[in-house]
C-alpha atoms as a PDB file:
ATOM      1  CA  UNK A   1    -127.106  21.266  17.450  1.00  0.00           C
ATOM      2  CA  UNK A   2    -125.436  23.805  19.217  1.00  0.00           C
ATOM      3  CA  UNK A   3    -125.498  27.459  17.044  1.00  0.00           C
ATOM      4  CA  UNK A   4    -122.682  28.979  14.654  1.00  0.00           C
ATOM      5  CA  UNK A   5    -120.751  30.895  16.865  1.00  0.00           C
ATOM      6  CA  UNK A   6    -119.962  34.240  14.626  1.00  0.00           C
ATOM      7  CA  UNK A   7    -116.767  35.915  15.258  1.00  0.00           C
ATOM      8  CA  UNK A   8    -115.581  39.222  13.471  1.00  0.00           C
ATOM      9  CA  UNK A   9    -112.451  40.285  12.421  1.00  0.00           C
ATOM     10  CA  UNK A  10    -113.146  44.123  12.899  1.00  0.00           C
ATOM     11  CA  UNK A  11    -115.828  46.382  13.075  1.00  0.00           C
ATOM     12  CA  UNK A  12    -116.396  47.008  10.173  1.00  0.00           C
ATOM     13  CA  UNK A  13    -116.823  42.897   9.083  1.00  0.00           C
ATOM     14  CA  UNK A  14    -119.036  42.991  11.950  1.00  0.00           C
ATOM     15  CA  UNK A  15    -121.239  46.368  10.121  1.00  0.00           C
ATOM     16  CA  UNK A  16    -120.624  44.632   6.697  1.00  0.00           C
ATOM     17  CA  UNK A  17    -122.457  41.579   7.974  1.00  0.00           C
ATOM     18  CA  UNK A  18    -125.705  43.301   9.631  1.00  0.00           C
ATOM     19  CA  UNK A  19    -126.122  45.496   6.676  1.00  0.00           C
ATOM     20  CA  UNK A  20    -125.057  42.798   4.362  1.00  0.00           C
ATOM     21  CA  UNK A  21    -127.232  42.816   0.898  1.00  0.00           C
ATOM     22  CA  UNK A  22    -129.181  45.468  -2.027  1.00  0.00           C
ATOM     23  CA  UNK A  23    -132.131  45.572   0.651  1.00  0.00           C
ATOM     24  CA  UNK A  24    -131.464  45.768   4.083  1.00  0.00           C
ATOM     25  CA  UNK A  25    -130.335  48.841   3.695  1.00  0.00           C
ATOM     26  CA  UNK A  26    -132.767  50.244   1.395  1.00  0.00           C
ATOM     27  CA  UNK A  27    -135.099  48.643   4.543  1.00  0.00           C
ATOM     28  CA  UNK A  28    -133.136  50.166   6.794  1.00  0.00           C
ATOM     29  CA  UNK A  29    -133.514  54.268   4.817  1.00  0.00           C
ATOM     30  CA  UNK A  30    -136.919  53.543   4.517  1.00  0.00           C
ATOM     31  CA  UNK A  31    -137.723  52.844   8.523  1.00  0.00           C
ATOM     32  CA  UNK A  32    -135.216  56.414   9.195  1.00  0.00           C
ATOM     33  CA  UNK A  33    -138.695  57.885   8.318  1.00  0.00           C
ATOM     34  CA  UNK A  34    -141.066  56.780  11.156  1.00  0.00           C
ATOM     35  CA  UNK A  35    -142.045  53.385  11.494  1.00  0.00           C
ATOM     36  CA  UNK A  36    -144.080  51.499   9.241  1.00  0.00           C
ATOM     37  CA  UNK A  37    -146.025  48.282   8.483  1.00  0.00           C
ATOM     38  CA  UNK A  38    -144.609  45.593   6.539  1.00  0.00           C
ATOM     39  CA  UNK A  39    -147.017  46.337   2.915  1.00  0.00           C
ATOM     40  CA  UNK A  40    -145.491  50.364   3.482  1.00  0.00           C
ATOM     41  CA  UNK A  41    -142.266  49.063   3.631  1.00  0.00           C
ATOM     42  CA  UNK A  42    -143.068  46.697   1.004  1.00  0.00           C
ATOM     43  CA  UNK A  43    -144.060  50.115  -1.458  1.00  0.00           C
ATOM     44  CA  UNK A  44    -141.070  51.775   0.176  1.00  0.00           C
ATOM     45  CA  UNK A  45    -138.826  49.174  -0.831  1.00  0.00           C
ATOM     46  CA  UNK A  46    -139.201  49.133  -4.506  1.00  0.00           C
ATOM     47  CA  UNK A  47    -138.294  45.504  -6.408  1.00  0.00           C
ATOM     48  CA  UNK A  48    -137.969  43.291  -3.196  1.00  0.00           C
ATOM     49  CA  UNK A  49    -140.521  40.596  -2.843  1.00  0.00           C
ATOM     50  CA  UNK A  50    -142.052  39.329  -0.087  1.00  0.00           C
ATOM     51  CA  UNK A  51    -139.829  36.268   0.909  1.00  0.00           C
ATOM     52  CA  UNK A  52    -136.561  38.777   1.232  1.00  0.00           C
ATOM     53  CA  UNK A  53    -138.094  41.660   2.917  1.00  0.00           C
ATOM     54  CA  UNK A  54    -139.747  39.248   5.652  1.00  0.00           C
ATOM     55  CA  UNK A  55    -136.545  37.374   5.962  1.00  0.00           C
ATOM     56  CA  UNK A  56    -134.515  40.438   6.194  1.00  0.00           C
ATOM     57  CA  UNK A  57    -136.846  42.183   8.949  1.00  0.00           C
ATOM     58  CA  UNK A  58    -136.664  38.702  10.710  1.00  0.00           C
ATOM     59  CA  UNK A  59    -132.322  39.414  10.272  1.00  0.00           C
ATOM     60  CA  UNK A  60    -132.456  42.773  11.238  1.00  0.00           C
ATOM     61  CA  UNK A  61    -134.700  42.590  14.417  1.00  0.00           C
ATOM     62  CA  UNK A  62    -132.160  39.545  15.499  1.00  0.00           C
ATOM     63  CA  UNK A  63    -129.547  42.333  15.311  1.00  0.00           C
ATOM     64  CA  UNK A  64    -131.384  44.609  17.309  1.00  0.00           C
ATOM     65  CA  UNK A  65    -131.790  47.746  14.809  1.00  0.00           C
ATOM     66  CA  UNK A  66    -135.070  46.800  13.859  1.00  0.00           C
ATOM     67  CA  UNK A  67    -138.066  46.573  16.284  1.00  0.00           C
ATOM     68  CA  UNK A  68    -141.480  44.325  15.588  1.00  0.00           C
ATOM     69  CA  UNK A  69    -144.115  45.804  17.606  1.00  0.00           C
ATOM     70  CA  UNK A  70    -147.449  43.327  17.073  1.00  0.00           C
ATOM     71  CA  UNK A  71    -150.494  45.201  17.919  1.00  0.00           C
ATOM     72  CA  UNK A  72    -153.889  43.419  19.509  1.00  0.00           C
ATOM     73  CA  UNK A  73    -156.303  44.643  16.524  1.00  0.00           C
ATOM     74  CA  UNK A  74    -158.247  42.544  13.966  1.00  0.00           C
ATOM     75  CA  UNK A  75    -156.855  42.112  11.549  1.00  0.00           C
ATOM     76  CA  UNK A  76    -153.835  41.728  13.042  1.00  0.00           C
ATOM     77  CA  UNK A  77    -151.266  44.972  13.140  1.00  0.00           C
ATOM     78  CA  UNK A  78    -147.703  44.415  13.052  1.00  0.00           C
ATOM     79  CA  UNK A  79    -145.269  48.164  12.832  1.00  0.00           C
ATOM     80  CA  UNK A  80    -141.733  48.170  12.336  1.00  0.00           C
ATOM     81  CA  UNK A  81    -139.285  50.464  13.487  1.00  0.00           C
ATOM     82  CA  UNK A  82    -135.753  51.227  14.234  1.00  0.00           C
ATOM     83  CA  UNK A  83    -133.973  50.351  17.648  1.00  0.00           C
ATOM     84  CA  UNK A  84    -131.726  52.934  19.199  1.00  0.00           C
ATOM     85  CA  UNK A  85    -129.254  51.251  17.697  1.00  0.00           C
ATOM     86  CA  UNK A  86    -130.341  50.758  14.455  1.00  0.00           C
ATOM     87  CA  UNK A  87    -131.236  54.955  14.649  1.00  0.00           C
ATOM     88  CA  UNK A  88    -126.895  55.100  15.038  1.00  0.00           C
ATOM     89  CA  UNK A  89    -126.440  53.107  11.946  1.00  0.00           C
ATOM     90  CA  UNK A  90    -128.493  54.906  10.127  1.00  0.00           C
ATOM     91  CA  UNK A  91    -126.521  58.051  11.090  1.00  0.00           C
ATOM     92  CA  UNK A  92    -123.171  55.713   9.988  1.00  0.00           C
ATOM     93  CA  UNK A  93    -124.824  55.614   6.673  1.00  0.00           C
ATOM     94  CA  UNK A  94    -125.574  58.959   6.135  1.00  0.00           C
ATOM     95  CA  UNK A  95    -122.337  59.485   4.313  1.00  0.00           C
ATOM     96  CA  UNK A  96    -121.995  56.864   2.475  1.00  0.00           C
ATOM     97  CA  UNK A  97    -125.746  57.990   0.887  1.00  0.00           C
ATOM     98  CA  UNK A  98    -124.501  61.502   0.103  1.00  0.00           C
ATOM     99  CA  UNK A  99    -121.427  59.899  -1.690  1.00  0.00           C
ATOM    100  CA  UNK A 100    -123.232  57.835  -3.297  1.00  0.00           C
ATOM    101  CA  UNK A 101    -125.709  60.778  -4.698  1.00  0.00           C
ATOM    102  CA  UNK A 102    -122.591  62.884  -5.564  1.00  0.00           C
ATOM    103  CA  UNK A 103    -120.947  59.849  -7.930  1.00  0.00           C
ATOM    104  CA  UNK A 104    -124.257  58.554  -9.295  1.00  0.00           C
ATOM    105  CA  UNK A 105    -124.008  59.507 -12.239  1.00  0.00           C
ATOM    106  CA  UNK A 106    -120.327  59.494 -13.111  1.00  0.00           C
ATOM    107  CA  UNK A 107    -121.084  55.691 -11.877  1.00  0.00           C
ATOM    108  CA  UNK A 108    -124.215  54.665 -14.420  1.00  0.00           C
ATOM    109  CA  UNK A 109    -121.873  56.367 -17.299  1.00  0.00           C
ATOM    110  CA  UNK A 110    -119.162  53.300 -16.465  1.00  0.00           C
ATOM    111  CA  UNK A 111    -121.639  51.143 -15.970  1.00  0.00           C
ATOM    112  CA  UNK A 112    -123.765  51.560 -18.901  1.00  0.00           C
ATOM    113  CA  UNK A 113    -121.076  53.320 -21.089  1.00  0.00           C
ATOM    114  CA  UNK A 114    -119.570  51.306 -24.555  1.00  0.00           C
ATOM    115  CA  UNK A 115    -119.089  47.624 -24.517  1.00  0.00           C
ATOM    116  CA  UNK A 116    -121.708  47.148 -20.992  1.00  0.00           C
ATOM    117  CA  UNK A 117    -124.434  45.152 -21.102  1.00  0.00           C
ATOM    118  CA  UNK A 118    -127.668  46.322 -22.212  1.00  0.00           C
ATOM    119  CA  UNK A 119    -130.833  45.594 -19.560  1.00  0.00           C
ATOM    120  CA  UNK A 120    -132.957  44.138 -20.543  1.00  0.00           C
END
């Protein structure tokens, strides 16, 4: 069976496809501080399950924004880091993060205001 051919409408479409979802951006952000082992990433990205983290790391590696390095050791040691492409992606995300910091309180107030669903 032939693989599916990806065709993007625009650069924004391609970018959103690579970082789509809640966890991928947070994984990339955590790797912006330097290489990390799987357990370190899991602790840095609070709330992500092992299964989802592993899946997203594979996808980010496929898209060549994350590098997976296996060290010949016992027990096996695997580290993840940003590729040069991933480092430029982090730079592109910084203004988005700054916007979020600037508007976080307002967005929380809107979403948690009167009529909002109560969090359990």
